[in-house]
């Protein structure tokens, strides 16, 4: 395939309503509320070295 095109997300709702729907932007699902940021494993760093609060404590 050589041709590419951009897809407007609104088209997905219009042409594939069985798979896509508009959501309420003010509400998050229970699953998304419970998600936490988990950094990738790095054996050369401390487990909590990526945290901002940890960095602030080191400066003082």
PDB file of N, CA and C in Angstrom:
ATOM      1  N   UNK A   1       0.832  -1.178   0.000  1.00  0.00           N
ATOM      2  CA  UNK A   1       0.000   0.000   0.000  1.00  0.00           C
ATOM      3  C   UNK A   1       0.876   1.240   0.000  1.00  0.00           C
ATOM      4  N   UNK A   2       0.578   2.142  -0.876  1.00  0.00           N
ATOM      5  CA  UNK A   2       1.331   3.383  -0.941  1.00  0.00           C
ATOM      6  C   UNK A   2       0.509   4.569  -0.478  1.00  0.00           C
ATOM      7  N   UNK A   3      -0.775   4.467  -0.542  1.00  0.00           N
ATOM      8  CA  UNK A   3      -1.629   5.594  -0.200  1.00  0.00           C
ATOM      9  C   UNK A   3      -1.993   5.572   1.281  1.00  0.00           C
ATOM     10  N   UNK A   4      -1.967   6.722   1.867  1.00  0.00           N
ATOM     11  CA  UNK A   4      -2.361   6.881   3.271  1.00  0.00           C
ATOM     12  C   UNK A   4      -3.343   8.035   3.372  1.00  0.00           C
ATOM     13  N   UNK A   5      -4.165   7.982   4.368  1.00  0.00           N
ATOM     14  CA  UNK A   5      -5.104   9.072   4.607  1.00  0.00           C
ATOM     15  C   UNK A   5      -5.311   9.230   6.102  1.00  0.00           C
ATOM     16  N   UNK A   6      -5.725  10.387   6.492  1.00  0.00           N
ATOM     17  CA  UNK A   6      -6.043  10.601   7.902  1.00  0.00           C
ATOM     18  C   UNK A   6      -7.504  10.252   8.132  1.00  0.00           C
ATOM     19  N   UNK A   7      -7.782   9.830   9.335  1.00  0.00           N
ATOM     20  CA  UNK A   7      -9.150   9.452   9.690  1.00  0.00           C
ATOM     21  C   UNK A   7      -9.624  10.384  10.788  1.00  0.00           C
ATOM     22  N   UNK A   8     -10.717  11.043  10.536  1.00  0.00           N
ATOM     23  CA  UNK A   8     -11.332  11.895  11.552  1.00  0.00           C
ATOM     24  C   UNK A   8     -12.074  10.981  12.529  1.00  0.00           C
ATOM     25  N   UNK A   9     -11.811  11.062  13.838  1.00  0.00           N
ATOM     26  CA  UNK A   9     -12.464  10.176  14.798  1.00  0.00           C
ATOM     27  C   UNK A   9     -13.989  10.221  14.749  1.00  0.00           C
ATOM     28  N   UNK A  10     -14.540  11.335  14.341  1.00  0.00           N
ATOM     29  CA  UNK A  10     -16.002  11.438  14.247  1.00  0.00           C
ATOM     30  C   UNK A  10     -16.551  10.493  13.187  1.00  0.00           C
ATOM     31  N   UNK A  11     -15.747  10.196  12.167  1.00  0.00           N
ATOM     32  CA  UNK A  11     -16.183   9.270  11.116  1.00  0.00           C
ATOM     33  C   UNK A  11     -16.391   7.871  11.680  1.00  0.00           C
ATOM     34  N   UNK A  12     -15.563   7.484  12.641  1.00  0.00           N
ATOM     35  CA  UNK A  12     -15.663   6.134  13.194  1.00  0.00           C
ATOM     36  C   UNK A  12     -17.019   5.913  13.849  1.00  0.00           C
ATOM     37  N   UNK A  13     -17.502   6.901  14.549  1.00  0.00           N
ATOM     38  CA  UNK A  13     -18.810   6.794  15.196  1.00  0.00           C
ATOM     39  C   UNK A  13     -19.913   6.704  14.146  1.00  0.00           C
ATOM     40  N   UNK A  14     -19.740   7.434  13.081  1.00  0.00           N
ATOM     41  CA  UNK A  14     -20.764   7.461  12.040  1.00  0.00           C
ATOM     42  C   UNK A  14     -20.801   6.166  11.232  1.00  0.00           C
ATOM     43  N   UNK A  15     -19.639   5.646  10.859  1.00  0.00           N
ATOM     44  CA  UNK A  15     -19.589   4.498   9.959  1.00  0.00           C
ATOM     45  C   UNK A  15     -19.464   3.149  10.660  1.00  0.00           C
ATOM     46  N   UNK A  16     -19.109   3.130  11.919  1.00  0.00           N
ATOM     47  CA  UNK A  16     -18.984   1.874  12.658  1.00  0.00           C
ATOM     48  C   UNK A  16     -19.565   2.034  14.058  1.00  0.00           C
ATOM     49  N   UNK A  17     -20.864   2.283  14.165  1.00  0.00           N
ATOM     50  CA  UNK A  17     -21.452   2.511  15.494  1.00  0.00           C
ATOM     51  C   UNK A  17     -21.437   1.271  16.384  1.00  0.00           C
ATOM     52  N   UNK A  18     -21.257   0.090  15.802  1.00  0.00           N
ATOM     53  CA  UNK A  18     -21.184  -1.121  16.619  1.00  0.00           C
ATOM     54  C   UNK A  18     -19.876  -1.184  17.410  1.00  0.00           C
ATOM     55  N   UNK A  19     -18.863  -0.473  16.946  1.00  0.00           N
ATOM     56  CA  UNK A  19     -17.553  -0.532  17.588  1.00  0.00           C
ATOM     57  C   UNK A  19     -17.168   0.748  18.325  1.00  0.00           C
ATOM     58  N   UNK A  20     -17.718   1.883  17.918  1.00  0.00           N
ATOM     59  CA  UNK A  20     -17.336   3.167  18.494  1.00  0.00           C
ATOM     60  C   UNK A  20     -18.566   3.957  18.907  1.00  0.00           C
ATOM     61  N   UNK A  21     -18.419   4.751  19.984  1.00  0.00           N
ATOM     62  CA  UNK A  21     -19.496   5.633  20.413  1.00  0.00           C
ATOM     63  C   UNK A  21     -18.882   6.857  21.084  1.00  0.00           C
ATOM     64  N   UNK A  22     -19.644   7.938  21.111  1.00  0.00           N
ATOM     65  CA  UNK A  22     -19.198   9.135  21.807  1.00  0.00           C
ATOM     66  C   UNK A  22     -19.315   8.892  23.304  1.00  0.00           C
ATOM     67  N   UNK A  23     -18.342   9.379  24.044  1.00  0.00           N
ATOM     68  CA  UNK A  23     -18.398   9.239  25.498  1.00  0.00           C
ATOM     69  C   UNK A  23     -18.520  10.615  26.131  1.00  0.00           C
ATOM     70  N   UNK A  24     -18.900  10.604  27.383  1.00  0.00           N
ATOM     71  CA  UNK A  24     -19.012  11.847  28.132  1.00  0.00           C
ATOM     72  C   UNK A  24     -17.603  12.268  28.563  1.00  0.00           C
ATOM     73  N   UNK A  25     -17.098  13.399  28.099  1.00  0.00           N
ATOM     74  CA  UNK A  25     -15.724  13.789  28.432  1.00  0.00           C
ATOM     75  C   UNK A  25     -15.519  14.166  29.895  1.00  0.00           C
ATOM     76  N   UNK A  26     -16.593  14.345  30.647  1.00  0.00           N
ATOM     77  CA  UNK A  26     -16.445  14.724  32.051  1.00  0.00           C
ATOM     78  C   UNK A  26     -16.373  13.519  32.978  1.00  0.00           C
ATOM     79  N   UNK A  27     -16.622  12.322  32.461  1.00  0.00           N
ATOM     80  CA  UNK A  27     -16.620  11.123  33.297  1.00  0.00           C
ATOM     81  C   UNK A  27     -15.536  10.154  32.843  1.00  0.00           C
ATOM     82  N   UNK A  28     -14.890   9.526  33.815  1.00  0.00           N
ATOM     83  CA  UNK A  28     -13.923   8.475  33.541  1.00  0.00           C
ATOM     84  C   UNK A  28     -14.514   7.143  33.978  1.00  0.00           C
ATOM     85  N   UNK A  29     -14.155   6.110  33.278  1.00  0.00           N
ATOM     86  CA  UNK A  29     -14.632   4.789  33.663  1.00  0.00           C
ATOM     87  C   UNK A  29     -13.917   4.339  34.939  1.00  0.00           C
ATOM     88  N   UNK A  30     -14.465   3.382  35.617  1.00  0.00           N
ATOM     89  CA  UNK A  30     -13.874   2.859  36.847  1.00  0.00           C
ATOM     90  C   UNK A  30     -12.484   2.287  36.556  1.00  0.00           C
ATOM     91  N   UNK A  31     -12.338   1.636  35.416  1.00  0.00           N
ATOM     92  CA  UNK A  31     -11.052   1.057  35.029  1.00  0.00           C
ATOM     93  C   UNK A  31      -9.981   2.141  34.883  1.00  0.00           C
ATOM     94  N   UNK A  32     -10.307   3.224  34.203  1.00  0.00           N
ATOM     95  CA  UNK A  32      -9.333   4.290  33.992  1.00  0.00           C
ATOM     96  C   UNK A  32      -9.011   5.031  35.288  1.00  0.00           C
ATOM     97  N   UNK A  33      -9.966   5.147  36.190  1.00  0.00           N
ATOM     98  CA  UNK A  33      -9.705   5.789  37.475  1.00  0.00           C
ATOM     99  C   UNK A  33      -8.711   4.983  38.299  1.00  0.00           C
ATOM    100  N   UNK A  34      -8.752   3.672  38.173  1.00  0.00           N
ATOM    101  CA  UNK A  34      -7.896   2.810  38.975  1.00  0.00           C
ATOM    102  C   UNK A  34      -6.525   2.565  38.360  1.00  0.00           C
ATOM    103  N   UNK A  35      -6.287   3.030  37.148  1.00  0.00           N
ATOM    104  CA  UNK A  35      -4.990   2.821  36.521  1.00  0.00           C
ATOM    105  C   UNK A  35      -3.932   3.664  37.210  1.00  0.00           C
ATOM    106  N   UNK A  36      -2.762   3.110  37.359  1.00  0.00           N
ATOM    107  CA  UNK A  36      -1.641   3.810  37.974  1.00  0.00           C
ATOM    108  C   UNK A  36      -0.458   3.795  37.009  1.00  0.00           C
ATOM    109  N   UNK A  37       0.376   4.800  37.111  1.00  0.00           N
ATOM    110  CA  UNK A  37       1.561   4.889  36.287  1.00  0.00           C
ATOM    111  C   UNK A  37       2.593   3.891  36.791  1.00  0.00           C
ATOM    112  N   UNK A  38       3.015   3.002  35.928  1.00  0.00           N
ATOM    113  CA  UNK A  38       4.035   2.021  36.277  1.00  0.00           C
ATOM    114  C   UNK A  38       5.197   2.171  35.306  1.00  0.00           C
ATOM    115  N   UNK A  39       6.346   2.661  35.759  1.00  0.00           N
ATOM    116  CA  UNK A  39       7.478   2.818  34.852  1.00  0.00           C
ATOM    117  C   UNK A  39       8.062   1.462  34.469  1.00  0.00           C
ATOM    118  N   UNK A  40       8.771   1.443  33.360  1.00  0.00           N
ATOM    119  CA  UNK A  40       9.432   0.223  32.933  1.00  0.00           C
ATOM    120  C   UNK A  40      10.551  -0.114  33.904  1.00  0.00           C
ATOM    121  N   UNK A  41      10.870  -1.381  34.012  1.00  0.00           N
ATOM    122  CA  UNK A  41      11.905  -1.839  34.928  1.00  0.00           C
ATOM    123  C   UNK A  41      13.277  -1.396  34.440  1.00  0.00           C
ATOM    124  N   UNK A  42      14.090  -0.864  35.334  1.00  0.00           N
ATOM    125  CA  UNK A  42      15.455  -0.473  35.023  1.00  0.00           C
ATOM    126  C   UNK A  42      16.327  -0.949  36.174  1.00  0.00           C
ATOM    127  N   UNK A  43      17.181  -1.914  35.912  1.00  0.00           N
ATOM    128  CA  UNK A  43      17.975  -2.502  36.989  1.00  0.00           C
ATOM    129  C   UNK A  43      19.070  -1.573  37.511  1.00  0.00           C
ATOM    130  N   UNK A  44      19.342  -0.476  36.811  1.00  0.00           N
ATOM    131  CA  UNK A  44      20.388   0.446  37.232  1.00  0.00           C
ATOM    132  C   UNK A  44      19.869   1.592  38.090  1.00  0.00           C
ATOM    133  N   UNK A  45      18.573   1.712  38.234  1.00  0.00           N
ATOM    134  CA  UNK A  45      17.973   2.801  39.007  1.00  0.00           C
ATOM    135  C   UNK A  45      17.248   2.237  40.220  1.00  0.00           C
ATOM    136  N   UNK A  46      17.070   3.078  41.218  1.00  0.00           N
ATOM    137  CA  UNK A  46      16.239   2.689  42.353  1.00  0.00           C
ATOM    138  C   UNK A  46      14.787   2.612  41.889  1.00  0.00           C
ATOM    139  N   UNK A  47      13.964   1.781  42.516  1.00  0.00           N
ATOM    140  CA  UNK A  47      12.569   1.637  42.062  1.00  0.00           C
ATOM    141  C   UNK A  47      11.764   2.932  42.084  1.00  0.00           C
ATOM    142  N   UNK A  48      12.024   3.826  43.020  1.00  0.00           N
ATOM    143  CA  UNK A  48      11.242   5.062  43.129  1.00  0.00           C
ATOM    144  C   UNK A  48      12.001   6.300  42.665  1.00  0.00           C
ATOM    145  N   UNK A  49      13.065   6.125  41.915  1.00  0.00           N
ATOM    146  CA  UNK A  49      13.868   7.273  41.488  1.00  0.00           C
ATOM    147  C   UNK A  49      13.152   8.166  40.490  1.00  0.00           C
ATOM    148  N   UNK A  50      12.133   7.660  39.836  1.00  0.00           N
ATOM    149  CA  UNK A  50      11.402   8.439  38.832  1.00  0.00           C
ATOM    150  C   UNK A  50      10.395   9.396  39.452  1.00  0.00           C
ATOM    151  N   UNK A  51      10.095   9.236  40.727  1.00  0.00           N
ATOM    152  CA  UNK A  51       9.060  10.056  41.357  1.00  0.00           C
ATOM    153  C   UNK A  51       9.540  11.484  41.594  1.00  0.00           C
ATOM    154  N   UNK A  52       8.664  12.446  41.347  1.00  0.00           N
ATOM    155  CA  UNK A  52       9.005  13.857  41.525  1.00  0.00           C
ATOM    156  C   UNK A  52       9.227  14.166  42.998  1.00  0.00           C
ATOM    157  N   UNK A  53       8.390  13.639  43.868  1.00  0.00           N
ATOM    158  CA  UNK A  53       8.537  13.905  45.297  1.00  0.00           C
ATOM    159  C   UNK A  53       9.879  13.386  45.804  1.00  0.00           C
ATOM    160  N   UNK A  54      10.336  12.303  45.238  1.00  0.00           N
ATOM    161  CA  UNK A  54      11.628  11.736  45.614  1.00  0.00           C
ATOM    162  C   UNK A  54      12.757  12.675  45.181  1.00  0.00           C
ATOM    163  N   UNK A  55      12.643  13.257  44.011  1.00  0.00           N
ATOM    164  CA  UNK A  55      13.648  14.172  43.494  1.00  0.00           C
ATOM    165  C   UNK A  55      13.725  15.432  44.348  1.00  0.00           C
ATOM    166  N   UNK A  56      12.603  15.947  44.778  1.00  0.00           N
ATOM    167  CA  UNK A  56      12.584  17.152  45.609  1.00  0.00           C
ATOM    168  C   UNK A  56      13.292  16.911  46.936  1.00  0.00           C
ATOM    169  N   UNK A  57      13.126  15.751  47.514  1.00  0.00           N
ATOM    170  CA  UNK A  57      13.757  15.457  48.794  1.00  0.00           C
ATOM    171  C   UNK A  57      15.275  15.417  48.664  1.00  0.00           C
ATOM    172  N   UNK A  58      15.780  14.976  47.539  1.00  0.00           N
ATOM    173  CA  UNK A  58      17.227  14.900  47.338  1.00  0.00           C
ATOM    174  C   UNK A  58      17.863  16.284  47.261  1.00  0.00           C
ATOM    175  N   UNK A  59      17.162  17.255  46.695  1.00  0.00           N
ATOM    176  CA  UNK A  59      17.713  18.598  46.516  1.00  0.00           C
ATOM    177  C   UNK A  59      17.913  19.303  47.845  1.00  0.00           C
ATOM    178  N   UNK A  60      17.021  19.085  48.803  1.00  0.00           N
ATOM    179  CA  UNK A  60      17.072  19.805  50.084  1.00  0.00           C
ATOM    180  C   UNK A  60      18.139  19.305  50.984  1.00  0.00           C
TER     181      UNK A  60
END
